[in-house]
């Protein structure tokens, strides 16, 4: 079990650690989710403990999300009390956001004990360093194509939602708005990946 948790934590910790002369730089979470993250200098032993926490957190989160999917599948009391698909999807999204928030708070409390005697460092793990692993999965041409594709889908979804709103269909805008938010996130992600890819090609 310990080995499995360590393996799960290691796979999910690639963007949180950077090798330093005296150990590892760790990008810790913040209770507010958004905003600047504190960075600490940790040892190999502390890194192993952090990876164990991340592995356990990932496993618990997967179980909670799987339970929510089963809870929303027929036969279910939720399906009878909430018959409309958009309402069920809204409940699922709110539930996922709640699980994500609780996961972040759990990380903060667990890491506080591990990082109690660890010094903060002014050296940061930059965005391009965190995205470097993902950029290796795509070529520059693939990233350009995906960026343009999702940008077109984003603009199209935006104008479609505006058209539905002008027609007085505001009651059925949850799915289009959720799609706009998701597509906007993907556009920003692929734009950042392309920027890192092009910058690394010039180095």
N, C-alpha and C. Protein backbone atom coordinates (compact mmCIF):
# COMPACT_ATOMS: atom_id res chain seq x y z
N UNK A 1 0.82 -1.20 0.00
CA UNK A 1 0.00 0.00 0.00
C UNK A 1 0.86 1.26 0.00
N UNK A 2 1.90 1.25 0.82
CA UNK A 2 2.80 2.39 0.89
C UNK A 2 3.48 2.63 -0.46
N UNK A 3 3.88 1.55 -1.11
CA UNK A 3 4.53 1.67 -2.41
C UNK A 3 3.58 2.24 -3.45
N UNK A 4 2.31 1.82 -3.40
CA UNK A 4 1.33 2.32 -4.36
C UNK A 4 1.07 3.81 -4.14
N UNK A 5 0.93 4.22 -2.87
CA UNK A 5 0.70 5.63 -2.57
C UNK A 5 1.89 6.49 -3.00
N UNK A 6 3.09 5.97 -2.78
CA UNK A 6 4.29 6.71 -3.19
C UNK A 6 4.33 6.86 -4.71
N UNK A 7 3.95 5.80 -5.42
CA UNK A 7 3.95 5.86 -6.89
C UNK A 7 2.92 6.86 -7.38
N UNK A 8 1.73 6.86 -6.77
CA UNK A 8 0.70 7.83 -7.15
C UNK A 8 1.14 9.25 -6.84
N UNK A 9 1.76 9.43 -5.67
CA UNK A 9 2.22 10.75 -5.29
C UNK A 9 3.34 11.26 -6.16
N UNK A 10 4.24 10.37 -6.56
CA UNK A 10 5.36 10.78 -7.42
C UNK A 10 4.87 11.23 -8.78
N UNK A 11 3.89 10.53 -9.34
CA UNK A 11 3.37 10.90 -10.66
C UNK A 11 2.63 12.23 -10.61
N UNK A 12 2.07 12.58 -9.45
CA UNK A 12 1.34 13.83 -9.35
C UNK A 12 2.14 14.98 -8.78
N UNK A 13 3.42 14.74 -8.50
CA UNK A 13 4.24 15.77 -7.84
C UNK A 13 5.29 16.36 -8.77
N UNK A 14 5.25 16.03 -10.06
CA UNK A 14 6.29 16.50 -10.97
C UNK A 14 6.34 18.02 -11.07
N UNK A 15 5.17 18.66 -10.98
CA UNK A 15 5.13 20.12 -11.11
C UNK A 15 5.32 20.83 -9.78
N UNK A 16 5.46 20.09 -8.70
CA UNK A 16 5.58 20.70 -7.38
C UNK A 16 7.01 20.77 -6.87
N UNK A 17 7.91 20.01 -7.49
CA UNK A 17 9.29 19.94 -6.99
C UNK A 17 10.28 20.37 -8.08
N UNK A 18 11.38 20.95 -7.61
CA UNK A 18 12.51 21.26 -8.49
C UNK A 18 13.80 21.00 -7.72
N UNK A 19 14.72 20.35 -8.40
CA UNK A 19 15.98 20.00 -7.74
C UNK A 19 16.77 21.26 -7.41
N UNK A 20 17.35 21.31 -6.21
CA UNK A 20 18.17 22.43 -5.77
C UNK A 20 19.48 21.89 -5.21
N UNK A 21 20.41 22.79 -4.94
CA UNK A 21 21.73 22.37 -4.46
C UNK A 21 21.66 21.70 -3.10
N UNK A 22 20.72 22.15 -2.26
CA UNK A 22 20.62 21.62 -0.89
C UNK A 22 19.41 20.73 -0.68
N UNK A 23 18.82 20.25 -1.75
CA UNK A 23 17.65 19.38 -1.60
C UNK A 23 16.66 19.60 -2.73
N UNK A 24 15.42 19.94 -2.34
CA UNK A 24 14.35 20.14 -3.31
C UNK A 24 13.60 21.43 -2.98
N UNK A 25 13.20 22.16 -4.00
CA UNK A 25 12.30 23.29 -3.84
C UNK A 25 10.88 22.77 -4.02
N UNK A 26 10.04 23.01 -3.02
CA UNK A 26 8.67 22.50 -3.04
C UNK A 26 7.70 23.68 -3.13
N UNK A 27 6.80 23.59 -4.09
CA UNK A 27 5.75 24.61 -4.27
C UNK A 27 4.53 24.19 -3.47
N UNK A 28 4.34 24.82 -2.33
CA UNK A 28 3.28 24.42 -1.40
C UNK A 28 1.94 25.04 -1.80
N UNK A 29 0.84 24.42 -1.40
CA UNK A 29 -0.48 25.00 -1.71
C UNK A 29 -0.80 26.14 -0.76
N UNK A 30 -1.81 26.91 -1.11
CA UNK A 30 -2.32 27.97 -0.26
C UNK A 30 -3.79 27.71 0.03
N UNK A 31 -4.28 28.04 1.22
CA UNK A 31 -5.70 27.77 1.53
C UNK A 31 -6.68 28.46 0.61
N UNK A 32 -6.24 29.53 -0.05
CA UNK A 32 -7.14 30.30 -0.92
C UNK A 32 -7.16 29.76 -2.34
N UNK A 33 -6.44 28.66 -2.60
CA UNK A 33 -6.38 27.99 -3.92
C UNK A 33 -5.69 28.88 -4.95
N UNK A 34 -6.23 30.08 -5.18
CA UNK A 34 -5.61 31.01 -6.11
C UNK A 34 -4.64 31.93 -5.38
N UNK A 35 -3.70 32.49 -6.12
CA UNK A 35 -2.76 33.41 -5.52
C UNK A 35 -1.35 32.84 -5.47
N UNK A 36 -0.40 33.64 -5.00
CA UNK A 36 1.00 33.18 -4.95
C UNK A 36 1.17 32.01 -4.00
N UNK A 37 2.04 31.08 -4.38
CA UNK A 37 2.30 29.90 -3.57
C UNK A 37 3.64 30.04 -2.84
N UNK A 38 3.69 29.71 -1.57
CA UNK A 38 4.99 29.71 -0.87
C UNK A 38 5.86 28.56 -1.34
N UNK A 39 7.16 28.78 -1.38
CA UNK A 39 8.12 27.76 -1.79
C UNK A 39 9.06 27.46 -0.62
N UNK A 40 9.29 26.17 -0.40
CA UNK A 40 10.13 25.73 0.72
C UNK A 40 11.28 24.87 0.19
N UNK A 41 12.35 24.85 0.97
CA UNK A 41 13.47 23.96 0.69
C UNK A 41 13.32 22.72 1.56
N UNK A 42 13.17 21.54 0.93
CA UNK A 42 12.91 20.32 1.67
C UNK A 42 13.97 19.27 1.35
N UNK A 43 14.08 18.28 2.24
CA UNK A 43 15.05 17.20 2.06
C UNK A 43 14.41 16.04 1.30
N UNK A 44 15.20 15.02 1.03
CA UNK A 44 14.67 13.83 0.35
C UNK A 44 13.62 13.13 1.20
N UNK A 45 13.84 13.09 2.53
CA UNK A 45 12.88 12.44 3.43
C UNK A 45 11.55 13.21 3.44
N UNK A 46 11.61 14.52 3.48
CA UNK A 46 10.39 15.32 3.45
C UNK A 46 9.68 15.19 2.11
N UNK A 47 10.44 15.11 1.04
CA UNK A 47 9.84 14.91 -0.29
C UNK A 47 9.07 13.60 -0.34
N UNK A 48 9.64 12.55 0.24
CA UNK A 48 8.96 11.25 0.25
C UNK A 48 7.65 11.33 1.05
N UNK A 49 7.65 12.05 2.18
CA UNK A 49 6.43 12.19 2.98
C UNK A 49 5.38 12.98 2.21
N UNK A 50 5.80 14.04 1.54
CA UNK A 50 4.86 14.85 0.76
C UNK A 50 4.25 14.02 -0.37
N UNK A 51 5.05 13.22 -1.03
CA UNK A 51 4.54 12.37 -2.10
C UNK A 51 3.56 11.33 -1.57
N UNK A 52 3.80 10.85 -0.36
CA UNK A 52 2.86 9.91 0.25
C UNK A 52 1.50 10.58 0.50
N UNK A 53 1.54 11.82 1.00
CA UNK A 53 0.30 12.57 1.23
C UNK A 53 -0.43 12.81 -0.08
N UNK A 54 0.30 13.19 -1.11
CA UNK A 54 -0.31 13.43 -2.42
C UNK A 54 -0.93 12.15 -2.99
N UNK A 55 -0.25 11.03 -2.82
CA UNK A 55 -0.79 9.76 -3.30
C UNK A 55 -2.07 9.38 -2.59
N UNK A 56 -2.10 9.53 -1.24
CA UNK A 56 -3.30 9.23 -0.47
C UNK A 56 -4.44 10.17 -0.86
N UNK A 57 -4.11 11.45 -1.04
CA UNK A 57 -5.12 12.43 -1.43
C UNK A 57 -5.71 12.11 -2.79
N UNK A 58 -4.86 11.72 -3.72
CA UNK A 58 -5.33 11.37 -5.06
C UNK A 58 -6.27 10.16 -5.01
N UNK A 59 -5.91 9.17 -4.21
CA UNK A 59 -6.73 7.96 -4.11
C UNK A 59 -8.10 8.27 -3.50
N UNK A 60 -8.12 9.05 -2.42
CA UNK A 60 -9.39 9.40 -1.77
C UNK A 60 -10.26 10.23 -2.71
N UNK A 61 -9.65 11.17 -3.43
CA UNK A 61 -10.41 12.00 -4.37
C UNK A 61 -11.03 11.16 -5.47
N UNK A 62 -10.29 10.22 -6.02
CA UNK A 62 -10.84 9.34 -7.06
C UNK A 62 -12.01 8.53 -6.54
N UNK A 63 -11.91 8.04 -5.30
CA UNK A 63 -13.01 7.26 -4.71
C UNK A 63 -14.25 8.13 -4.50
N UNK A 64 -14.05 9.36 -4.06
CA UNK A 64 -15.19 10.27 -3.84
C UNK A 64 -15.86 10.62 -5.17
N UNK A 65 -15.07 10.88 -6.20
CA UNK A 65 -15.65 11.20 -7.50
C UNK A 65 -16.36 9.99 -8.11
N UNK A 66 -15.78 8.82 -7.93
CA UNK A 66 -16.43 7.60 -8.43
C UNK A 66 -17.75 7.36 -7.70
N UNK A 67 -17.77 7.61 -6.39
CA UNK A 67 -18.99 7.44 -5.62
C UNK A 67 -20.07 8.42 -6.07
N UNK A 68 -19.67 9.64 -6.42
CA UNK A 68 -20.65 10.63 -6.88
C UNK A 68 -21.26 10.20 -8.21
N UNK A 69 -20.46 9.64 -9.11
CA UNK A 69 -20.99 9.17 -10.39
C UNK A 69 -21.98 8.04 -10.18
N UNK A 70 -21.65 7.10 -9.30
CA UNK A 70 -22.57 6.01 -9.00
C UNK A 70 -23.85 6.52 -8.34
N UNK A 71 -23.70 7.57 -7.53
CA UNK A 71 -24.85 8.13 -6.83
C UNK A 71 -25.83 8.80 -7.78
N UNK A 72 -25.29 9.31 -8.90
CA UNK A 72 -26.14 9.99 -9.88
C UNK A 72 -26.66 9.07 -10.97
N UNK A 73 -26.26 7.79 -10.94
CA UNK A 73 -26.73 6.84 -11.95
C UNK A 73 -28.00 6.15 -11.47
N UNK A 74 -28.84 5.74 -12.41
CA UNK A 74 -30.07 5.04 -12.01
C UNK A 74 -29.76 3.64 -11.48
N UNK A 75 -30.57 3.10 -10.52
CA UNK A 75 -31.65 3.82 -9.85
C UNK A 75 -31.11 4.67 -8.70
N UNK A 76 -31.57 5.90 -8.58
CA UNK A 76 -31.03 6.80 -7.57
C UNK A 76 -32.11 7.76 -7.11
N UNK A 77 -32.07 8.09 -5.81
CA UNK A 77 -33.02 9.06 -5.26
C UNK A 77 -32.80 10.43 -5.88
N UNK A 78 -31.53 10.75 -6.18
CA UNK A 78 -31.21 12.05 -6.78
C UNK A 78 -31.87 12.19 -8.14
N UNK A 79 -31.85 11.12 -8.93
CA UNK A 79 -32.45 11.18 -10.26
C UNK A 79 -33.95 11.41 -10.19
N UNK A 80 -34.59 10.89 -9.15
CA UNK A 80 -36.04 11.09 -9.01
C UNK A 80 -36.37 12.49 -8.52
N UNK A 81 -35.54 13.02 -7.63
CA UNK A 81 -35.80 14.36 -7.08
C UNK A 81 -35.28 15.47 -7.99
N UNK A 82 -34.28 15.16 -8.82
CA UNK A 82 -33.74 16.15 -9.77
C UNK A 82 -33.82 15.54 -11.16
N UNK A 83 -34.95 15.68 -11.85
CA UNK A 83 -35.13 14.97 -13.13
C UNK A 83 -34.37 15.56 -14.30
N UNK A 84 -34.02 16.84 -14.25
CA UNK A 84 -33.41 17.49 -15.40
C UNK A 84 -31.91 17.29 -15.41
N UNK A 85 -31.37 17.02 -16.62
CA UNK A 85 -29.95 16.72 -16.77
C UNK A 85 -29.07 17.90 -16.36
N UNK A 86 -29.47 19.12 -16.73
CA UNK A 86 -28.67 20.30 -16.41
C UNK A 86 -28.56 20.49 -14.90
N UNK A 87 -29.65 20.23 -14.17
CA UNK A 87 -29.61 20.36 -12.71
C UNK A 87 -28.69 19.31 -12.09
N UNK A 88 -28.74 18.08 -12.64
CA UNK A 88 -27.85 17.03 -12.12
C UNK A 88 -26.39 17.37 -12.41
N UNK A 89 -26.16 17.91 -13.61
CA UNK A 89 -24.79 18.30 -13.95
C UNK A 89 -24.30 19.42 -13.04
N UNK A 90 -25.17 20.37 -12.72
CA UNK A 90 -24.80 21.44 -11.81
C UNK A 90 -24.44 20.89 -10.42
N UNK A 91 -25.23 19.94 -9.94
CA UNK A 91 -24.94 19.31 -8.65
C UNK A 91 -23.58 18.61 -8.69
N UNK A 92 -23.30 17.92 -9.80
CA UNK A 92 -22.03 17.22 -9.93
C UNK A 92 -20.85 18.20 -9.96
N UNK A 93 -21.01 19.31 -10.69
CA UNK A 93 -19.94 20.31 -10.77
C UNK A 93 -19.68 20.93 -9.40
N UNK A 94 -20.74 21.29 -8.69
CA UNK A 94 -20.58 21.86 -7.34
C UNK A 94 -19.92 20.85 -6.41
N UNK A 95 -20.32 19.60 -6.53
CA UNK A 95 -19.71 18.55 -5.70
C UNK A 95 -18.22 18.41 -6.00
N UNK A 96 -17.85 18.42 -7.28
CA UNK A 96 -16.43 18.32 -7.66
C UNK A 96 -15.63 19.50 -7.14
N UNK A 97 -16.22 20.70 -7.22
CA UNK A 97 -15.54 21.89 -6.70
C UNK A 97 -15.35 21.79 -5.19
N UNK A 98 -16.37 21.25 -4.50
CA UNK A 98 -16.25 21.07 -3.06
C UNK A 98 -15.17 20.06 -2.69
N UNK A 99 -15.11 18.95 -3.44
CA UNK A 99 -14.08 17.95 -3.19
C UNK A 99 -12.69 18.55 -3.44
N UNK A 100 -12.57 19.34 -4.51
CA UNK A 100 -11.29 19.97 -4.82
C UNK A 100 -10.86 20.93 -3.72
N UNK A 101 -11.82 21.71 -3.21
CA UNK A 101 -11.51 22.63 -2.11
C UNK A 101 -11.09 21.92 -0.85
N UNK A 102 -11.80 20.83 -0.51
CA UNK A 102 -11.44 20.04 0.68
C UNK A 102 -10.09 19.37 0.50
N UNK A 103 -9.79 18.92 -0.71
CA UNK A 103 -8.49 18.32 -0.98
C UNK A 103 -7.38 19.33 -0.75
N UNK A 104 -7.59 20.56 -1.23
CA UNK A 104 -6.58 21.60 -1.05
C UNK A 104 -6.37 21.93 0.43
N UNK A 105 -7.47 22.02 1.20
CA UNK A 105 -7.34 22.28 2.63
C UNK A 105 -6.62 21.13 3.33
N UNK A 106 -6.94 19.90 2.91
CA UNK A 106 -6.24 18.75 3.49
C UNK A 106 -4.75 18.80 3.23
N UNK A 107 -4.37 19.21 2.02
CA UNK A 107 -2.95 19.36 1.71
C UNK A 107 -2.30 20.40 2.62
N UNK A 108 -3.00 21.52 2.81
CA UNK A 108 -2.42 22.60 3.62
C UNK A 108 -2.15 22.13 5.05
N UNK A 109 -3.11 21.42 5.65
CA UNK A 109 -2.94 20.96 7.03
C UNK A 109 -1.87 19.87 7.12
N UNK A 110 -1.87 18.95 6.15
CA UNK A 110 -0.90 17.85 6.19
C UNK A 110 0.53 18.37 5.96
N UNK A 111 0.69 19.29 5.02
CA UNK A 111 2.03 19.80 4.71
C UNK A 111 2.55 20.74 5.79
N UNK A 112 1.63 21.35 6.55
CA UNK A 112 2.08 22.25 7.61
C UNK A 112 2.96 21.52 8.61
N UNK A 113 2.58 20.28 8.95
CA UNK A 113 3.38 19.51 9.91
C UNK A 113 4.71 19.08 9.29
N UNK A 114 4.68 18.71 8.00
CA UNK A 114 5.91 18.27 7.34
C UNK A 114 6.88 19.43 7.15
N UNK A 115 6.35 20.61 6.84
CA UNK A 115 7.19 21.77 6.52
C UNK A 115 7.47 22.65 7.73
N UNK A 116 7.17 22.17 8.93
CA UNK A 116 7.27 23.00 10.14
C UNK A 116 8.65 23.62 10.31
N UNK A 117 9.69 22.87 10.06
CA UNK A 117 11.07 23.36 10.26
C UNK A 117 11.80 23.64 8.95
N UNK A 118 11.05 23.68 7.86
CA UNK A 118 11.69 23.91 6.55
C UNK A 118 11.75 25.40 6.25
N UNK A 119 12.89 25.88 5.77
CA UNK A 119 13.00 27.31 5.45
C UNK A 119 12.32 27.64 4.13
N UNK A 120 11.77 28.84 4.06
CA UNK A 120 11.23 29.32 2.80
C UNK A 120 12.38 29.75 1.89
N UNK A 121 12.14 29.68 0.60
CA UNK A 121 13.16 30.07 -0.36
C UNK A 121 12.57 31.08 -1.34
N UNK A 122 13.42 31.99 -1.78
CA UNK A 122 12.97 32.99 -2.74
C UNK A 122 12.96 32.45 -4.17
N UNK A 123 13.62 31.32 -4.38
CA UNK A 123 13.62 30.71 -5.71
C UNK A 123 12.29 30.03 -5.97
N UNK A 124 11.70 30.32 -7.10
CA UNK A 124 10.37 29.82 -7.43
C UNK A 124 10.44 28.78 -8.55
N UNK A 125 9.38 27.97 -8.62
CA UNK A 125 9.19 27.07 -9.76
C UNK A 125 8.31 27.82 -10.75
N UNK A 126 8.89 28.26 -11.83
CA UNK A 126 8.18 29.10 -12.79
C UNK A 126 7.17 28.30 -13.58
N UNK A 127 6.25 29.02 -14.23
CA UNK A 127 5.19 28.37 -15.00
C UNK A 127 5.77 27.53 -16.12
N UNK A 128 6.79 28.04 -16.82
CA UNK A 128 7.35 27.27 -17.93
C UNK A 128 8.02 26.00 -17.43
N UNK A 129 8.54 26.00 -16.21
CA UNK A 129 9.14 24.79 -15.64
C UNK A 129 8.06 23.78 -15.27
N UNK A 130 6.90 24.27 -14.83
CA UNK A 130 5.81 23.36 -14.47
C UNK A 130 5.16 22.75 -15.71
N UNK A 131 5.20 23.46 -16.82
CA UNK A 131 4.56 22.98 -18.05
C UNK A 131 5.51 22.21 -18.96
N UNK A 132 6.78 22.16 -18.59
CA UNK A 132 7.77 21.56 -19.48
C UNK A 132 7.47 20.10 -19.76
N UNK A 133 6.97 19.37 -18.77
CA UNK A 133 6.65 17.96 -18.99
C UNK A 133 5.54 17.77 -20.00
N UNK A 134 4.52 18.67 -19.97
CA UNK A 134 3.41 18.56 -20.92
C UNK A 134 3.82 18.93 -22.33
N UNK A 135 4.74 19.88 -22.46
CA UNK A 135 5.13 20.31 -23.80
C UNK A 135 5.81 19.20 -24.59
N UNK A 136 6.44 18.25 -23.90
CA UNK A 136 7.09 17.14 -24.59
C UNK A 136 6.13 16.20 -25.28
N UNK A 137 4.83 16.29 -24.93
CA UNK A 137 3.82 15.42 -25.54
C UNK A 137 3.35 15.93 -26.89
N UNK A 138 3.66 17.19 -27.23
CA UNK A 138 3.16 17.78 -28.47
C UNK A 138 4.30 18.45 -29.23
N UNK A 139 4.16 18.50 -30.55
CA UNK A 139 5.06 19.31 -31.36
C UNK A 139 4.50 20.73 -31.42
N UNK A 140 5.31 21.67 -31.90
CA UNK A 140 4.86 23.06 -32.01
C UNK A 140 3.69 23.16 -32.99
N UNK A 141 3.72 22.39 -34.07
CA UNK A 141 2.64 22.42 -35.06
C UNK A 141 1.34 21.90 -34.46
N UNK A 142 1.42 20.83 -33.67
CA UNK A 142 0.22 20.29 -33.02
C UNK A 142 -0.37 21.30 -32.04
N UNK A 143 0.49 21.98 -31.29
CA UNK A 143 0.00 22.97 -30.33
C UNK A 143 -0.66 24.14 -31.05
N UNK A 144 -0.09 24.58 -32.17
CA UNK A 144 -0.70 25.67 -32.94
C UNK A 144 -2.07 25.25 -33.46
N UNK A 145 -2.16 24.03 -33.98
CA UNK A 145 -3.45 23.54 -34.49
C UNK A 145 -4.49 23.46 -33.38
N UNK A 146 -4.11 22.89 -32.24
CA UNK A 146 -5.05 22.74 -31.13
C UNK A 146 -5.47 24.09 -30.57
N UNK A 147 -4.53 25.02 -30.52
CA UNK A 147 -4.86 26.35 -30.01
C UNK A 147 -5.88 27.03 -30.91
N UNK A 148 -5.66 26.98 -32.22
CA UNK A 148 -6.61 27.60 -33.16
C UNK A 148 -7.96 26.89 -33.11
N UNK A 149 -7.94 25.56 -33.04
CA UNK A 149 -9.19 24.78 -32.99
C UNK A 149 -10.03 25.16 -31.78
N UNK A 150 -9.44 25.15 -30.60
CA UNK A 150 -10.21 25.44 -29.39
C UNK A 150 -10.55 26.92 -29.29
N UNK A 151 -9.74 27.78 -29.89
CA UNK A 151 -10.08 29.20 -29.92
C UNK A 151 -11.32 29.44 -30.77
N UNK A 152 -11.41 28.75 -31.92
CA UNK A 152 -12.60 28.85 -32.77
C UNK A 152 -13.83 28.31 -32.03
N UNK A 153 -13.68 27.17 -31.35
CA UNK A 153 -14.80 26.61 -30.58
C UNK A 153 -15.22 27.55 -29.45
N UNK A 154 -14.23 28.19 -28.82
CA UNK A 154 -14.53 29.12 -27.72
C UNK A 154 -15.32 30.31 -28.23
N UNK A 155 -14.86 30.92 -29.34
CA UNK A 155 -15.56 32.09 -29.89
C UNK A 155 -16.95 31.69 -30.38
N UNK A 156 -17.05 30.51 -31.03
CA UNK A 156 -18.36 30.06 -31.50
C UNK A 156 -19.33 29.81 -30.35
N UNK A 157 -18.86 29.20 -29.27
CA UNK A 157 -19.72 28.96 -28.11
C UNK A 157 -20.16 30.27 -27.47
N UNK A 158 -19.25 31.25 -27.44
CA UNK A 158 -19.58 32.56 -26.86
C UNK A 158 -20.70 33.23 -27.64
N UNK A 159 -20.59 33.26 -28.97
CA UNK A 159 -21.61 33.90 -29.79
C UNK A 159 -22.92 33.12 -29.78
N UNK A 160 -22.83 31.78 -29.68
CA UNK A 160 -24.05 30.97 -29.59
C UNK A 160 -24.80 31.25 -28.30
N UNK A 161 -24.06 31.38 -27.21
CA UNK A 161 -24.70 31.69 -25.93
C UNK A 161 -25.31 33.09 -25.95
N UNK A 162 -24.61 34.05 -26.58
CA UNK A 162 -25.15 35.40 -26.69
C UNK A 162 -26.43 35.40 -27.52
N UNK A 163 -26.47 34.58 -28.57
CA UNK A 163 -27.67 34.48 -29.41
C UNK A 163 -28.83 33.88 -28.62
N UNK A 164 -28.57 32.82 -27.86
CA UNK A 164 -29.62 32.21 -27.05
C UNK A 164 -30.14 33.19 -26.00
N UNK A 165 -29.24 33.99 -25.43
CA UNK A 165 -29.65 34.97 -24.44
C UNK A 165 -30.53 36.05 -25.07
N UNK A 166 -30.19 36.45 -26.29
CA UNK A 166 -31.00 37.47 -26.98
C UNK A 166 -32.39 36.95 -27.33
N UNK A 167 -32.50 35.62 -27.46
CA UNK A 167 -33.80 35.00 -27.77
C UNK A 167 -34.61 34.68 -26.52
N UNK A 168 -34.08 35.05 -25.36
CA UNK A 168 -34.81 34.81 -24.12
C UNK A 168 -34.70 33.41 -23.58
N UNK A 169 -33.63 32.68 -23.96
CA UNK A 169 -33.44 31.31 -23.48
C UNK A 169 -32.44 31.26 -22.32
N UNK A 170 -32.55 32.21 -21.40
CA UNK A 170 -31.58 32.29 -20.30
C UNK A 170 -31.68 31.10 -19.35
N UNK A 171 -32.83 30.44 -19.34
CA UNK A 171 -33.00 29.32 -18.42
C UNK A 171 -32.20 28.08 -18.79
N UNK A 172 -31.67 28.03 -20.00
CA UNK A 172 -30.95 26.85 -20.45
C UNK A 172 -29.51 27.21 -20.84
N UNK A 173 -28.92 28.11 -20.08
CA UNK A 173 -27.58 28.58 -20.42
C UNK A 173 -26.48 27.94 -19.58
N UNK A 174 -26.84 27.06 -18.66
CA UNK A 174 -25.79 26.51 -17.80
C UNK A 174 -24.77 25.71 -18.59
N UNK A 175 -25.26 24.82 -19.46
CA UNK A 175 -24.34 24.00 -20.26
C UNK A 175 -23.48 24.85 -21.20
N UNK A 176 -24.07 25.81 -21.94
CA UNK A 176 -23.22 26.66 -22.78
C UNK A 176 -22.18 27.45 -21.99
N UNK A 177 -22.57 27.99 -20.84
CA UNK A 177 -21.61 28.76 -20.04
C UNK A 177 -20.51 27.86 -19.50
N UNK A 178 -20.89 26.66 -19.05
CA UNK A 178 -19.89 25.71 -18.58
C UNK A 178 -18.94 25.33 -19.72
N UNK A 179 -19.49 25.20 -20.93
CA UNK A 179 -18.64 24.91 -22.08
C UNK A 179 -17.69 26.04 -22.40
N UNK A 180 -18.18 27.28 -22.28
CA UNK A 180 -17.32 28.45 -22.53
C UNK A 180 -16.17 28.49 -21.53
N UNK A 181 -16.47 28.24 -20.26
CA UNK A 181 -15.43 28.25 -19.23
C UNK A 181 -14.40 27.16 -19.49
N UNK A 182 -14.89 25.95 -19.81
CA UNK A 182 -13.97 24.84 -20.08
C UNK A 182 -13.11 25.11 -21.31
N UNK A 183 -13.73 25.60 -22.38
CA UNK A 183 -12.97 25.89 -23.60
C UNK A 183 -11.98 27.04 -23.38
N UNK A 184 -12.37 28.03 -22.58
CA UNK A 184 -11.45 29.12 -22.26
C UNK A 184 -10.23 28.63 -21.52
N UNK A 185 -10.46 27.70 -20.57
CA UNK A 185 -9.33 27.12 -19.84
C UNK A 185 -8.40 26.36 -20.78
N UNK A 186 -8.98 25.59 -21.71
CA UNK A 186 -8.17 24.81 -22.65
C UNK A 186 -7.38 25.74 -23.57
N UNK A 187 -8.01 26.84 -24.01
CA UNK A 187 -7.30 27.80 -24.86
C UNK A 187 -6.11 28.40 -24.12
N UNK A 188 -6.31 28.79 -22.87
CA UNK A 188 -5.21 29.36 -22.08
C UNK A 188 -4.11 28.32 -21.88
N UNK A 189 -4.50 27.07 -21.62
CA UNK A 189 -3.52 26.01 -21.41
C UNK A 189 -2.66 25.78 -22.65
N UNK A 190 -3.31 25.61 -23.81
CA UNK A 190 -2.55 25.36 -25.04
C UNK A 190 -1.74 26.60 -25.46
N UNK A 191 -2.25 27.79 -25.16
CA UNK A 191 -1.47 28.99 -25.43
C UNK A 191 -0.21 29.04 -24.59
N UNK A 192 -0.34 28.67 -23.31
CA UNK A 192 0.84 28.65 -22.44
C UNK A 192 1.82 27.56 -22.86
N UNK A 193 1.30 26.39 -23.25
CA UNK A 193 2.17 25.31 -23.71
C UNK A 193 2.92 25.71 -24.99
N UNK A 194 2.22 26.38 -25.90
CA UNK A 194 2.88 26.82 -27.13
C UNK A 194 3.96 27.85 -26.83
N UNK A 195 3.69 28.75 -25.91
CA UNK A 195 4.68 29.76 -25.54
C UNK A 195 5.93 29.11 -24.97
N UNK A 196 5.72 28.12 -24.06
CA UNK A 196 6.87 27.42 -23.47
C UNK A 196 7.63 26.66 -24.53
N UNK A 197 6.89 26.02 -25.47
CA UNK A 197 7.52 25.24 -26.53
C UNK A 197 8.38 26.12 -27.43
N UNK A 198 7.85 27.27 -27.81
CA UNK A 198 8.60 28.16 -28.69
C UNK A 198 9.80 28.77 -27.98
N UNK A 199 9.64 29.09 -26.70
CA UNK A 199 10.76 29.66 -25.95
C UNK A 199 11.87 28.63 -25.75
N UNK A 200 11.47 27.38 -25.47
CA UNK A 200 12.49 26.34 -25.28
C UNK A 200 13.20 26.03 -26.59
N UNK A 201 12.53 26.23 -27.72
CA UNK A 201 13.16 26.00 -29.01
C UNK A 201 14.20 27.04 -29.37
N UNK A 202 14.07 28.22 -28.76
CA UNK A 202 15.03 29.29 -29.03
C UNK A 202 16.24 29.22 -28.12
N UNK A 203 16.14 28.42 -27.04
CA UNK A 203 17.26 28.33 -26.09
C UNK A 203 18.34 27.40 -26.63
